[in-house]
Amino acid sequence: MNRENSNAIVFLDAFNDIEARLRLLAKAEHYVSFNELLKRTRFDNTVIKRYANDLREYAELRNAIVHTRREDFIIAEPHPSVVSHICRVRDQICNPPTVATLKAKPVFVVSPETPMRDVLTQFAQRNFVRCPVVDQGRIVCLLTAKSITRWLASTGLTDQTKVATVSNVIPFALSEKYMISTPETDIYTIYENFKLQLRNGGSLQAVLITRKGDNHGPVTQMITASDLPALFDLLEKGGHN
């Protein structure tokens, strides 16, 4: 048997990489069982949580391989599909795709002084339904089509509406839900946050990306629910754009 090409050896190498990563995340300085490492890390790491059941099964297979191993001979050889999958899991746990790997699209940003007629024109021409409001380098809120609709319903189509600015709409936009994250945030976290909001009956309108993950600095990216199919496809492929 060619040891380097053995499915069992490739499987064990990938499993060992995963176990080492879990041990690092759990800050386990002494021996801790693999299942205990899973318990300690799965709730704080969306990637591990996603693959927790697979990893438990792989732990059993690892034990079967190790316990039946003989010198230059392995009784239990994993199926190639299993080896391929654990390698993909290893890559995503040890090096998960982050927001920085996504192709960045220009973000339309407005200020409180921006005339609403300009906002409405951009929304109509570019098919926008939301944009961040930034005042002196600080994110104030997320302006959405729903916010604008609430404002119009409140004010009516008067002459005052024609000269209104974004500042007039901000009170109607403060209730819109959004998150702020860094480019280093893994895509699993973004994806799971959208799913969690949907399960809880909420509506996460967008994830805004800034350099430090706070409300200061330019908004470099904006991820919305319409991006979820692309995110899911990226996660299923287990790769990077």
Foldseek 3Di string as FASTA:
>chain_A
DPLVPFQLNLLVVLLVLLQVLLCVQLVPPDDDDSLVSLVSPLVVDLLSVVCVVVNVVSVVVNVQQVVQDDVVDTDDGDDPVNSVVSNLSSCCSVPNAFLLLDDADDADEAEQAAQVVVVVVCCVVVVAFKHFYADPQFTLFIDGVVLVVVLCVVPPPDPVSRRHGNNSSSVSGRPAAEFFAERGHGLSVVLVVQVVCVVVVHHHAWYFYAHHRHRGHDGRHIDGPVCNVVSVVCVVVSHGD
